[in-house]
Amino acid sequence: MNRKDEEFFNQILLELSHSVESMIKHVCNDPELAEDVMQDIFLEAYQNISKLSVNENYREQILLMAKRKLQARLPVKMSPENGE
């Protein structure tokens, strides 16, 4: 990872970690699972930082990534019928 990507990743963490954490905790009542999902999301963001850095919609991508990871773990709570 180059310095520019590292700085961008740190920006993402500062900018989005609270929003992502709030969304996860709203859906998931298990603190350990919430922490695992949070780590998975930011690990995936780290692994794909070069793709995220060229996309001006990176915020939406991260939030969509979070939603998908929650759907994989909690499919009933994240169903389209309840709008989450």
Protein backbone atom coordinates (compact mmCIF):
# COMPACT_ATOMS: atom_id res chain seq x y z
CA MET A 1 0.00 0.00 0.00
CA ASN A 2 1.41 3.38 -0.93
CA ARG A 3 1.31 6.41 1.33
CA LYS A 4 -1.60 8.02 -0.54
CA ASP A 5 -3.74 4.87 -0.14
CA GLU A 6 -2.77 4.60 3.52
CA GLU A 7 -3.83 8.21 4.13
CA PHE A 8 -7.09 7.60 2.29
CA PHE A 9 -7.79 4.49 4.35
CA ASN A 10 -7.19 6.45 7.56
CA GLN A 11 -9.59 9.11 6.26
CA ILE A 12 -12.22 6.43 5.64
CA LEU A 13 -11.79 5.09 9.16
CA LEU A 14 -12.18 8.53 10.71
CA GLU A 15 -15.05 9.52 8.47
CA LEU A 16 -17.14 6.36 8.39
CA SER A 17 -16.36 4.16 11.37
CA HIS A 18 -19.01 5.81 13.56
CA SER A 19 -21.74 5.56 10.89
CA VAL A 20 -20.90 1.95 10.11
CA GLU A 21 -20.73 1.02 13.79
CA SER A 22 -24.08 2.69 14.48
CA MET A 23 -25.72 0.82 11.60
CA ILE A 24 -24.29 -2.50 12.79
CA LYS A 25 -25.33 -1.96 16.41
CA HIS A 26 -28.83 -0.93 15.31
CA VAL A 27 -29.28 -4.31 13.64
CA CYS A 28 -27.08 -6.59 15.73
CA ASN A 29 -27.44 -7.02 19.49
CA ASP A 30 -24.39 -9.26 19.79
CA PRO A 31 -21.30 -7.12 20.61
CA GLU A 32 -18.85 -9.81 19.47
CA LEU A 33 -20.62 -10.30 16.16
CA ALA A 34 -20.83 -6.52 15.68
CA GLU A 35 -17.08 -6.25 16.23
CA ASP A 36 -16.41 -9.10 13.79
CA VAL A 37 -18.58 -7.51 11.11
CA MET A 38 -16.91 -4.14 11.66
CA GLN A 39 -13.47 -5.72 11.25
CA ASP A 40 -14.59 -7.57 8.12
CA ILE A 41 -15.87 -4.37 6.54
CA PHE A 42 -12.73 -2.35 7.12
CA LEU A 43 -10.48 -5.26 6.19
CA GLU A 44 -12.29 -5.50 2.87
CA ALA A 45 -12.01 -1.72 2.44
CA TYR A 46 -8.28 -1.96 3.17
CA GLN A 47 -7.85 -4.76 0.65
CA ASN A 48 -9.71 -2.74 -1.99
CA ILE A 49 -8.41 0.70 -1.14
CA SER A 50 -7.04 1.40 -4.61
CA LYS A 51 -10.51 0.81 -6.10
CA LEU A 52 -12.21 2.89 -3.43
CA SER A 53 -9.81 5.81 -3.79
CA VAL A 54 -10.73 6.39 -7.43
CA ASN A 55 -14.47 6.24 -6.79
CA GLU A 56 -16.18 9.37 -5.50
CA ASN A 57 -19.00 7.17 -4.13
CA TYR A 58 -16.73 5.35 -1.69
CA ARG A 59 -18.99 6.25 1.26
CA GLU A 60 -21.94 4.52 -0.33
CA GLN A 61 -19.73 1.55 -1.26
CA ILE A 62 -18.58 1.13 2.35
CA LEU A 63 -22.14 1.37 3.69
CA LEU A 64 -23.36 -1.09 1.07
CA MET A 65 -20.51 -3.41 2.01
CA ALA A 66 -21.63 -3.17 5.65
CA LYS A 67 -25.22 -3.94 4.74
CA ARG A 68 -24.19 -6.98 2.70
CA LYS A 69 -22.01 -8.34 5.47
CA LEU A 70 -24.87 -7.94 7.92
CA GLN A 71 -27.26 -9.63 5.49
CA ALA A 72 -24.89 -12.58 5.30
CA ARG A 73 -24.86 -12.88 9.09
CA LEU A 74 -28.41 -11.79 9.91
CA PRO A 75 -30.58 -12.46 6.82
CA VAL A 76 -33.91 -12.17 8.64
CA LYS A 77 -33.24 -8.74 10.18
CA MET A 78 -31.93 -7.23 6.95
CA SER A 79 -34.73 -8.35 4.66
CA PRO A 80 -36.02 -5.92 2.00
CA GLU A 81 -39.51 -6.07 3.50
CA ASN A 82 -38.48 -4.12 6.60
CA GLY A 83 -36.59 -1.51 4.59
CA GLU A 84 -33.20 -2.00 6.17
